[in-house]
N, C-alpha and C. Protein backbone atom coordinates (compact mmCIF):
# COMPACT_ATOMS: atom_id res chain seq x y z
N MET A 1 22.75 19.87 78.46
CA MET A 1 21.73 20.69 79.07
C MET A 1 20.67 21.12 78.05
N LYS A 2 21.06 21.25 76.82
CA LYS A 2 20.11 21.67 75.79
C LYS A 2 19.17 20.53 75.39
N LYS A 3 19.61 19.28 75.51
CA LYS A 3 18.78 18.14 75.11
C LYS A 3 17.51 18.00 75.97
N PRO A 4 17.56 18.13 77.31
CA PRO A 4 16.32 17.98 78.08
C PRO A 4 15.28 19.04 77.73
N LEU A 5 15.67 20.21 77.32
CA LEU A 5 14.73 21.26 76.94
C LEU A 5 14.16 21.02 75.54
N ALA A 6 14.92 20.42 74.66
CA ALA A 6 14.49 20.20 73.28
C ALA A 6 13.37 19.19 73.19
N LEU A 7 13.42 18.13 73.99
CA LEU A 7 12.40 17.09 73.93
C LEU A 7 11.01 17.61 74.33
N PRO A 8 10.84 18.36 75.44
CA PRO A 8 9.51 18.91 75.74
C PRO A 8 9.02 19.91 74.70
N LEU A 9 9.93 20.70 74.15
CA LEU A 9 9.53 21.65 73.10
C LEU A 9 9.05 20.93 71.85
N LEU A 10 9.74 19.84 71.49
CA LEU A 10 9.32 19.06 70.34
C LEU A 10 7.94 18.43 70.59
N PHE A 11 7.72 17.90 71.78
CA PHE A 11 6.43 17.33 72.16
C PHE A 11 5.32 18.38 72.09
N LEU A 12 5.59 19.58 72.61
CA LEU A 12 4.62 20.67 72.57
C LEU A 12 4.31 21.07 71.13
N LEU A 13 5.31 21.13 70.28
CA LEU A 13 5.12 21.48 68.88
C LEU A 13 4.22 20.45 68.19
N ILE A 14 4.45 19.17 68.47
CA ILE A 14 3.63 18.12 67.86
C ILE A 14 2.18 18.23 68.32
N LEU A 15 1.95 18.46 69.61
CA LEU A 15 0.59 18.58 70.13
C LEU A 15 -0.15 19.76 69.53
N THR A 16 0.50 20.90 69.44
CA THR A 16 -0.20 22.08 68.92
C THR A 16 -0.41 22.00 67.42
N SER A 17 0.44 21.31 66.71
CA SER A 17 0.25 21.20 65.26
C SER A 17 -0.87 20.24 64.92
N CYS A 18 -1.22 19.36 65.85
CA CYS A 18 -2.30 18.40 65.61
C CYS A 18 -3.68 18.95 65.97
N ASN A 19 -3.73 20.10 66.61
CA ASN A 19 -5.02 20.69 66.99
C ASN A 19 -5.78 21.14 65.77
N ASP A 20 -7.09 20.95 65.78
CA ASP A 20 -7.96 21.43 64.72
C ASP A 20 -8.15 22.93 64.89
N THR A 21 -7.66 23.68 63.92
CA THR A 21 -7.76 25.14 64.03
C THR A 21 -9.04 25.69 63.42
N THR A 22 -9.86 24.83 62.80
CA THR A 22 -11.13 25.31 62.25
C THR A 22 -12.15 25.40 63.37
N LYS A 23 -12.94 26.43 63.32
CA LYS A 23 -13.95 26.64 64.35
C LYS A 23 -15.29 26.91 63.69
N ASN A 24 -16.31 26.37 64.28
CA ASN A 24 -17.66 26.76 63.89
C ASN A 24 -18.09 27.85 64.86
N VAL A 25 -18.70 28.87 64.33
CA VAL A 25 -19.15 29.98 65.16
C VAL A 25 -20.67 30.04 65.06
N PHE A 26 -21.33 30.17 66.20
CA PHE A 26 -22.78 30.30 66.27
C PHE A 26 -23.09 31.59 67.00
N THR A 27 -24.05 32.36 66.47
CA THR A 27 -24.46 33.58 67.16
C THR A 27 -25.90 33.92 66.82
N GLU A 28 -26.50 34.74 67.66
CA GLU A 28 -27.84 35.25 67.42
C GLU A 28 -27.83 36.76 67.21
N VAL A 29 -26.62 37.34 67.12
CA VAL A 29 -26.47 38.78 66.90
C VAL A 29 -25.36 38.99 65.88
N SER A 30 -25.71 39.61 64.76
CA SER A 30 -24.70 39.89 63.72
C SER A 30 -25.31 40.83 62.68
N PRO A 31 -24.46 41.49 61.90
CA PRO A 31 -25.00 42.32 60.79
C PRO A 31 -25.80 41.49 59.79
N GLU A 32 -25.40 40.24 59.56
CA GLU A 32 -26.12 39.38 58.62
C GLU A 32 -27.52 39.06 59.15
N ILE A 33 -27.63 38.83 60.45
CA ILE A 33 -28.95 38.60 61.05
C ILE A 33 -29.80 39.85 60.92
N ASP A 34 -29.21 41.01 61.14
CA ASP A 34 -29.95 42.28 60.95
C ASP A 34 -30.44 42.40 59.51
N THR A 35 -29.60 41.99 58.55
CA THR A 35 -30.01 42.02 57.14
C THR A 35 -31.19 41.09 56.90
N MET A 36 -31.14 39.89 57.47
CA MET A 36 -32.25 38.93 57.31
C MET A 36 -33.54 39.51 57.88
N ARG A 37 -33.46 40.09 59.06
CA ARG A 37 -34.65 40.69 59.68
C ARG A 37 -35.20 41.85 58.83
N GLN A 38 -34.31 42.67 58.27
CA GLN A 38 -34.76 43.78 57.43
C GLN A 38 -35.36 43.27 56.13
N MET A 39 -34.78 42.22 55.57
CA MET A 39 -35.32 41.62 54.34
C MET A 39 -36.75 41.15 54.58
N ILE A 40 -37.01 40.54 55.74
CA ILE A 40 -38.35 40.07 56.07
C ILE A 40 -39.30 41.26 56.24
N LYS A 41 -38.85 42.32 56.88
CA LYS A 41 -39.69 43.53 57.01
C LYS A 41 -40.01 44.12 55.65
N ASP A 42 -39.02 44.14 54.75
CA ASP A 42 -39.25 44.67 53.40
C ASP A 42 -40.26 43.82 52.65
N TYR A 43 -40.19 42.50 52.82
CA TYR A 43 -41.17 41.59 52.21
C TYR A 43 -42.57 41.92 52.73
N GLU A 44 -42.70 42.04 54.04
CA GLU A 44 -44.01 42.31 54.63
C GLU A 44 -44.57 43.65 54.17
N ALA A 45 -43.70 44.64 53.96
CA ALA A 45 -44.14 45.98 53.54
C ALA A 45 -44.34 46.06 52.03
N GLY A 46 -43.91 45.03 51.30
CA GLY A 46 -44.00 45.08 49.84
C GLY A 46 -43.01 46.07 49.24
N ASP A 47 -41.92 46.34 49.95
CA ASP A 47 -40.87 47.25 49.46
C ASP A 47 -39.86 46.41 48.67
N TRP A 48 -40.19 46.12 47.44
CA TRP A 48 -39.43 45.16 46.64
C TRP A 48 -38.06 45.67 46.26
N ASP A 49 -37.88 46.98 46.09
CA ASP A 49 -36.55 47.51 45.79
C ASP A 49 -35.61 47.30 46.97
N SER A 50 -36.10 47.60 48.16
CA SER A 50 -35.27 47.38 49.35
C SER A 50 -35.05 45.89 49.57
N TYR A 51 -36.08 45.08 49.37
CA TYR A 51 -35.98 43.62 49.50
C TYR A 51 -34.85 43.10 48.60
N LYS A 52 -34.88 43.53 47.36
CA LYS A 52 -33.89 43.08 46.36
C LYS A 52 -32.48 43.53 46.73
N SER A 53 -32.35 44.65 47.41
CA SER A 53 -31.03 45.20 47.74
C SER A 53 -30.24 44.32 48.70
N HIS A 54 -30.87 43.38 49.36
CA HIS A 54 -30.19 42.49 50.30
C HIS A 54 -29.53 41.30 49.60
N TYR A 55 -29.73 41.18 48.30
CA TYR A 55 -29.24 40.03 47.53
C TYR A 55 -28.13 40.45 46.57
N ALA A 56 -27.18 39.52 46.36
CA ALA A 56 -26.18 39.72 45.31
C ALA A 56 -26.89 39.65 43.96
N GLU A 57 -26.32 40.32 42.98
CA GLU A 57 -26.97 40.34 41.65
C GLU A 57 -27.17 38.95 41.08
N ASP A 58 -26.22 38.07 41.33
CA ASP A 58 -26.30 36.72 40.77
C ASP A 58 -26.74 35.68 41.81
N ALA A 59 -27.50 36.12 42.82
CA ALA A 59 -27.96 35.21 43.88
C ALA A 59 -28.76 34.06 43.29
N LYS A 60 -28.56 32.89 43.88
CA LYS A 60 -29.32 31.70 43.48
C LYS A 60 -30.39 31.47 44.53
N ILE A 61 -31.65 31.44 44.08
CA ILE A 61 -32.80 31.34 44.98
C ILE A 61 -33.47 29.98 44.76
N TYR A 62 -33.62 29.25 45.84
CA TYR A 62 -34.28 27.94 45.82
C TYR A 62 -35.46 28.01 46.78
N HIS A 63 -36.64 28.30 46.27
CA HIS A 63 -37.86 28.32 47.09
C HIS A 63 -38.61 27.04 46.82
N ASN A 64 -38.72 26.19 47.85
CA ASN A 64 -39.36 24.88 47.73
C ASN A 64 -38.75 24.06 46.59
N LYS A 65 -37.43 24.16 46.45
CA LYS A 65 -36.71 23.42 45.41
C LYS A 65 -35.42 22.87 46.00
N VAL A 66 -34.94 21.80 45.40
CA VAL A 66 -33.62 21.31 45.75
C VAL A 66 -32.60 22.08 44.92
N ASN A 67 -31.36 21.71 45.00
CA ASN A 67 -30.29 22.49 44.36
C ASN A 67 -30.22 22.32 42.85
N SER A 68 -31.33 22.51 42.17
CA SER A 68 -31.31 22.50 40.72
C SER A 68 -32.26 23.61 40.24
N ASN A 69 -31.94 24.16 39.11
CA ASN A 69 -32.75 25.21 38.50
C ASN A 69 -33.05 26.37 39.45
N PRO A 70 -32.03 27.04 39.94
CA PRO A 70 -32.29 28.17 40.84
C PRO A 70 -32.96 29.31 40.09
N ARG A 71 -33.70 30.12 40.86
CA ARG A 71 -34.31 31.34 40.32
C ARG A 71 -33.36 32.50 40.59
N SER A 72 -33.57 33.56 39.85
CA SER A 72 -32.90 34.82 40.16
C SER A 72 -33.74 35.53 41.21
N ILE A 73 -33.20 36.55 41.82
CA ILE A 73 -33.97 37.31 42.81
C ILE A 73 -35.19 37.95 42.14
N GLN A 74 -35.03 38.40 40.91
CA GLN A 74 -36.18 39.02 40.22
C GLN A 74 -37.29 38.00 40.00
N GLU A 75 -36.94 36.78 39.61
CA GLU A 75 -37.95 35.73 39.43
C GLU A 75 -38.60 35.37 40.76
N ALA A 76 -37.82 35.34 41.83
CA ALA A 76 -38.38 35.04 43.15
C ALA A 76 -39.37 36.12 43.59
N ILE A 77 -39.06 37.37 43.28
CA ILE A 77 -39.97 38.48 43.62
C ILE A 77 -41.29 38.33 42.85
N VAL A 78 -41.22 37.97 41.58
CA VAL A 78 -42.43 37.76 40.79
C VAL A 78 -43.27 36.65 41.43
N GLU A 79 -42.61 35.57 41.86
CA GLU A 79 -43.33 34.47 42.52
C GLU A 79 -43.97 34.96 43.83
N GLN A 80 -43.23 35.69 44.63
CA GLN A 80 -43.77 36.20 45.91
C GLN A 80 -44.97 37.11 45.67
N LYS A 81 -44.86 37.99 44.70
CA LYS A 81 -45.99 38.88 44.39
C LYS A 81 -47.22 38.09 43.95
N SER A 82 -47.01 37.00 43.19
CA SER A 82 -48.13 36.17 42.75
C SER A 82 -48.81 35.51 43.94
N ILE A 83 -48.02 35.03 44.88
CA ILE A 83 -48.57 34.38 46.07
C ILE A 83 -49.38 35.37 46.90
N ILE A 84 -48.79 36.52 47.17
CA ILE A 84 -49.48 37.47 48.06
C ILE A 84 -50.62 38.20 47.38
N SER A 85 -50.69 38.13 46.04
CA SER A 85 -51.82 38.77 45.35
C SER A 85 -53.14 38.08 45.71
N GLN A 86 -53.07 36.86 46.22
CA GLN A 86 -54.26 36.11 46.63
C GLN A 86 -54.74 36.49 48.03
N MET A 87 -53.98 37.34 48.70
CA MET A 87 -54.21 37.58 50.12
C MET A 87 -54.80 38.97 50.39
N ASN A 88 -55.68 39.04 51.41
CA ASN A 88 -56.11 40.34 51.95
C ASN A 88 -55.04 40.87 52.88
N SER A 89 -54.42 39.97 53.62
CA SER A 89 -53.35 40.35 54.55
C SER A 89 -52.37 39.20 54.64
N TYR A 90 -51.13 39.54 54.97
CA TYR A 90 -50.09 38.53 55.12
C TYR A 90 -48.94 39.12 55.91
N GLY A 91 -48.16 38.26 56.50
CA GLY A 91 -46.97 38.68 57.22
C GLY A 91 -46.55 37.58 58.17
N TYR A 92 -45.49 37.84 58.89
CA TYR A 92 -45.01 36.86 59.86
C TYR A 92 -45.58 37.19 61.23
N SER A 93 -46.01 36.15 61.93
CA SER A 93 -46.60 36.30 63.25
C SER A 93 -45.59 36.92 64.21
N THR A 94 -46.08 37.86 64.99
CA THR A 94 -45.24 38.42 66.04
C THR A 94 -45.54 37.78 67.38
N THR A 95 -46.57 36.93 67.43
CA THR A 95 -46.90 36.25 68.68
C THR A 95 -46.31 34.86 68.74
N GLU A 96 -46.00 34.27 67.60
CA GLU A 96 -45.35 32.96 67.56
C GLU A 96 -43.84 33.18 67.61
N ASN A 97 -43.14 32.20 68.09
CA ASN A 97 -41.68 32.31 68.17
C ASN A 97 -41.08 32.46 66.79
N GLN A 98 -40.17 33.40 66.69
CA GLN A 98 -39.33 33.54 65.50
C GLN A 98 -37.90 33.32 65.97
N THR A 99 -37.16 32.57 65.20
CA THR A 99 -35.78 32.32 65.54
C THR A 99 -34.92 32.72 64.35
N VAL A 100 -33.86 33.47 64.62
CA VAL A 100 -32.88 33.82 63.60
C VAL A 100 -31.52 33.55 64.22
N GLU A 101 -30.71 32.78 63.51
CA GLU A 101 -29.38 32.48 64.02
C GLU A 101 -28.39 32.39 62.87
N MET A 102 -27.13 32.57 63.20
CA MET A 102 -26.08 32.53 62.19
C MET A 102 -25.01 31.55 62.62
N ILE A 103 -24.47 30.85 61.63
CA ILE A 103 -23.29 30.04 61.87
C ILE A 103 -22.24 30.39 60.82
N ILE A 104 -21.01 30.28 61.20
CA ILE A 104 -19.90 30.27 60.26
C ILE A 104 -19.35 28.86 60.36
N ASP A 105 -19.46 28.11 59.26
CA ASP A 105 -19.08 26.70 59.31
C ASP A 105 -17.57 26.52 59.24
N SER A 106 -17.13 25.28 59.27
CA SER A 106 -15.70 24.99 59.30
C SER A 106 -14.98 25.40 58.02
N LYS A 107 -15.74 25.67 56.95
CA LYS A 107 -15.15 26.15 55.70
C LYS A 107 -15.10 27.67 55.66
N GLY A 108 -15.64 28.33 56.70
CA GLY A 108 -15.66 29.78 56.73
C GLY A 108 -16.88 30.39 56.04
N THR A 109 -17.85 29.57 55.70
CA THR A 109 -19.06 30.03 55.02
C THR A 109 -20.07 30.53 56.06
N THR A 110 -20.66 31.68 55.78
CA THR A 110 -21.63 32.30 56.69
C THR A 110 -23.05 31.96 56.24
N TRP A 111 -23.81 31.36 57.15
CA TRP A 111 -25.20 30.99 56.89
C TRP A 111 -26.09 31.61 57.97
N VAL A 112 -27.22 32.18 57.55
CA VAL A 112 -28.21 32.70 58.49
C VAL A 112 -29.51 31.94 58.25
N SER A 113 -30.11 31.46 59.33
CA SER A 113 -31.37 30.71 59.24
C SER A 113 -32.47 31.42 60.01
N PHE A 114 -33.67 31.36 59.45
CA PHE A 114 -34.87 31.96 60.04
C PHE A 114 -35.94 30.90 60.10
N TRP A 115 -36.64 30.82 61.23
CA TRP A 115 -37.82 29.99 61.38
C TRP A 115 -38.93 30.89 61.89
N GLY A 116 -40.09 30.84 61.24
CA GLY A 116 -41.20 31.67 61.68
C GLY A 116 -42.52 31.13 61.19
N VAL A 117 -43.59 31.79 61.60
CA VAL A 117 -44.94 31.41 61.19
C VAL A 117 -45.51 32.54 60.33
N TRP A 118 -45.80 32.21 59.09
CA TRP A 118 -46.39 33.15 58.14
C TRP A 118 -47.90 33.04 58.30
N VAL A 119 -48.56 34.17 58.44
CA VAL A 119 -50.02 34.18 58.59
C VAL A 119 -50.63 35.02 57.48
N GLY A 120 -51.78 34.58 57.01
CA GLY A 120 -52.43 35.33 55.96
C GLY A 120 -53.92 35.02 55.89
N THR A 121 -54.65 35.92 55.22
CA THR A 121 -56.07 35.74 54.98
C THR A 121 -56.29 35.82 53.48
N PHE A 122 -56.88 34.76 52.92
CA PHE A 122 -57.15 34.73 51.49
C PHE A 122 -58.23 35.74 51.15
N ALA A 123 -58.03 36.46 50.05
CA ALA A 123 -58.94 37.54 49.67
C ALA A 123 -60.34 37.03 49.33
N GLU A 124 -60.42 35.99 48.52
CA GLU A 124 -61.72 35.57 48.02
C GLU A 124 -62.56 34.83 49.07
N SER A 125 -61.97 33.90 49.76
CA SER A 125 -62.74 33.07 50.69
C SER A 125 -62.72 33.58 52.13
N LYS A 126 -61.79 34.47 52.42
CA LYS A 126 -61.57 34.98 53.78
C LYS A 126 -61.01 33.90 54.72
N ASN A 127 -60.58 32.76 54.16
CA ASN A 127 -59.94 31.72 54.97
C ASN A 127 -58.62 32.25 55.51
N LYS A 128 -58.33 31.91 56.75
CA LYS A 128 -57.06 32.28 57.36
C LYS A 128 -56.14 31.07 57.35
N THR A 129 -54.86 31.33 57.23
CA THR A 129 -53.89 30.25 57.23
C THR A 129 -52.65 30.64 58.01
N GLU A 130 -52.00 29.64 58.58
CA GLU A 130 -50.71 29.80 59.25
C GLU A 130 -49.78 28.75 58.67
N ILE A 131 -48.61 29.18 58.25
CA ILE A 131 -47.67 28.28 57.59
C ILE A 131 -46.30 28.46 58.23
N ILE A 132 -45.70 27.36 58.62
CA ILE A 132 -44.34 27.41 59.14
C ILE A 132 -43.38 27.60 57.96
N VAL A 133 -42.46 28.54 58.11
CA VAL A 133 -41.50 28.87 57.05
C VAL A 133 -40.09 28.71 57.60
N HIS A 134 -39.22 28.15 56.77
CA HIS A 134 -37.79 28.07 57.10
C HIS A 134 -37.00 28.69 55.96
N ILE A 135 -36.10 29.59 56.29
CA ILE A 135 -35.21 30.23 55.31
C ILE A 135 -33.78 30.04 55.79
N THR A 136 -32.92 29.59 54.90
CA THR A 136 -31.48 29.57 55.19
C THR A 136 -30.79 30.27 54.04
N SER A 137 -29.99 31.28 54.37
CA SER A 137 -29.32 32.09 53.36
C SER A 137 -27.82 32.10 53.59
N ARG A 138 -27.07 31.97 52.50
CA ARG A 138 -25.62 32.09 52.56
C ARG A 138 -25.26 33.54 52.26
N PHE A 139 -24.40 34.10 53.08
CA PHE A 139 -23.97 35.49 52.91
C PHE A 139 -22.53 35.54 52.42
N VAL A 140 -22.29 36.41 51.44
CA VAL A 140 -20.95 36.71 50.96
C VAL A 140 -20.86 38.23 50.84
N ASP A 141 -19.88 38.80 51.49
CA ASP A 141 -19.68 40.26 51.46
C ASP A 141 -20.95 41.02 51.85
N GLY A 142 -21.67 40.52 52.85
CA GLY A 142 -22.83 41.21 53.39
C GLY A 142 -24.11 41.06 52.59
N LYS A 143 -24.07 40.28 51.51
CA LYS A 143 -25.26 40.08 50.66
C LYS A 143 -25.63 38.60 50.62
N ILE A 144 -26.90 38.34 50.43
CA ILE A 144 -27.37 36.97 50.27
C ILE A 144 -27.01 36.53 48.85
N ASP A 145 -26.21 35.45 48.75
CA ASP A 145 -25.87 34.97 47.42
C ASP A 145 -26.48 33.61 47.12
N GLN A 146 -27.10 33.00 48.14
CA GLN A 146 -27.83 31.75 47.95
C GLN A 146 -28.89 31.67 49.03
N GLU A 147 -30.12 31.32 48.63
CA GLU A 147 -31.21 31.24 49.60
C GLU A 147 -32.01 29.98 49.37
N HIS A 148 -32.30 29.30 50.48
CA HIS A 148 -33.16 28.12 50.48
C HIS A 148 -34.34 28.45 51.38
N MET A 149 -35.55 28.36 50.84
CA MET A 149 -36.75 28.70 51.61
C MET A 149 -37.79 27.61 51.39
N TYR A 150 -38.37 27.15 52.49
CA TYR A 150 -39.33 26.05 52.41
C TYR A 150 -40.58 26.39 53.21
N TRP A 151 -41.73 26.10 52.62
CA TRP A 151 -43.02 26.27 53.30
C TRP A 151 -44.01 25.27 52.71
N ASP A 152 -45.06 25.03 53.44
CA ASP A 152 -46.12 24.11 53.03
C ASP A 152 -47.04 24.83 52.05
N THR A 153 -47.18 24.30 50.86
CA THR A 153 -48.03 24.93 49.84
C THR A 153 -49.48 24.44 49.88
N ALA A 154 -49.78 23.47 50.74
CA ALA A 154 -51.13 22.89 50.78
C ALA A 154 -52.24 23.93 50.98
N PRO A 155 -52.09 24.93 51.85
CA PRO A 155 -53.19 25.90 51.99
C PRO A 155 -53.53 26.62 50.68
N PHE A 156 -52.54 26.85 49.83
CA PHE A 156 -52.80 27.53 48.56
C PHE A 156 -53.50 26.60 47.57
N VAL A 157 -53.14 25.32 47.59
CA VAL A 157 -53.81 24.32 46.74
C VAL A 157 -55.27 24.18 47.18
N LEU A 158 -55.50 24.06 48.48
CA LEU A 158 -56.87 23.94 48.99
C LEU A 158 -57.70 25.18 48.68
N GLU A 159 -57.09 26.34 48.82
CA GLU A 159 -57.82 27.58 48.50
C GLU A 159 -58.26 27.58 47.05
N LYS A 160 -57.39 27.16 46.14
CA LYS A 160 -57.75 27.12 44.72
C LYS A 160 -58.90 26.15 44.49
N ILE A 161 -58.87 25.01 45.15
CA ILE A 161 -59.96 24.05 45.02
C ILE A 161 -61.27 24.65 45.53
N TRP A 162 -61.24 25.29 46.70
CA TRP A 162 -62.45 25.89 47.26
C TRP A 162 -63.01 26.97 46.34
N VAL A 163 -62.15 27.83 45.87
CA VAL A 163 -62.60 28.96 45.04
C VAL A 163 -63.08 28.46 43.68
N ASP A 164 -62.28 27.59 43.03
CA ASP A 164 -62.65 27.10 41.70
C ASP A 164 -63.95 26.31 41.72
N ASN A 165 -64.22 25.61 42.80
CA ASN A 165 -65.42 24.78 42.89
C ASN A 165 -66.54 25.43 43.69
N LYS A 166 -66.32 26.68 44.06
CA LYS A 166 -67.30 27.45 44.82
C LYS A 166 -67.80 26.68 46.04
N LEU A 167 -66.85 26.08 46.73
CA LEU A 167 -67.18 25.32 47.94
C LEU A 167 -67.36 26.27 49.10
N VAL A 168 -68.07 25.83 50.09
CA VAL A 168 -68.26 26.62 51.30
C VAL A 168 -66.97 26.54 52.12
N SER A 169 -66.56 27.66 52.61
CA SER A 169 -65.36 27.70 53.44
C SER A 169 -65.59 26.88 54.70
N PRO A 170 -64.58 26.18 55.16
CA PRO A 170 -64.75 25.43 56.42
C PRO A 170 -64.98 26.34 57.60
N LEU A 171 -64.76 27.63 57.44
CA LEU A 171 -64.99 28.59 58.53
C LEU A 171 -66.44 29.02 58.61
N ASP A 172 -67.23 28.74 57.56
CA ASP A 172 -68.64 29.16 57.55
C ASP A 172 -69.51 28.19 58.32
């Protein structure tokens, strides 16, 4: 009588042990997403101390770079300040779609991604620009410990050419 019960239990044990227990999790609501949104607000406000507080001390920052020669958060802030020093105004569009989402991958790593449109007006020429930006950040213990950010640098190159050569703005 015990043998007929043992065979189905053994079969059930084999089936459940073969199941993949790793799960990918996707969400649009999380504390990490809130951190990403606040980091963007701090950037727009120029609140660099608060901006920096969202990052681990040893965070690796890759802005328009592949996975070599990462910057520190302090170096990234210096770069951001240099970029925005050319602008009369800057920030992320509130009329264009912004998407922020989080995944926890099969390794248990938490990633938050942001897609948005950065808008700005150059101080010297008054040229306006819109640039699509993508940011993906890895979170560990509630802090960004790795960030990958990509945007088109062409508007800044063109602005330098226009200003250096005293060309007429295409808007004139």
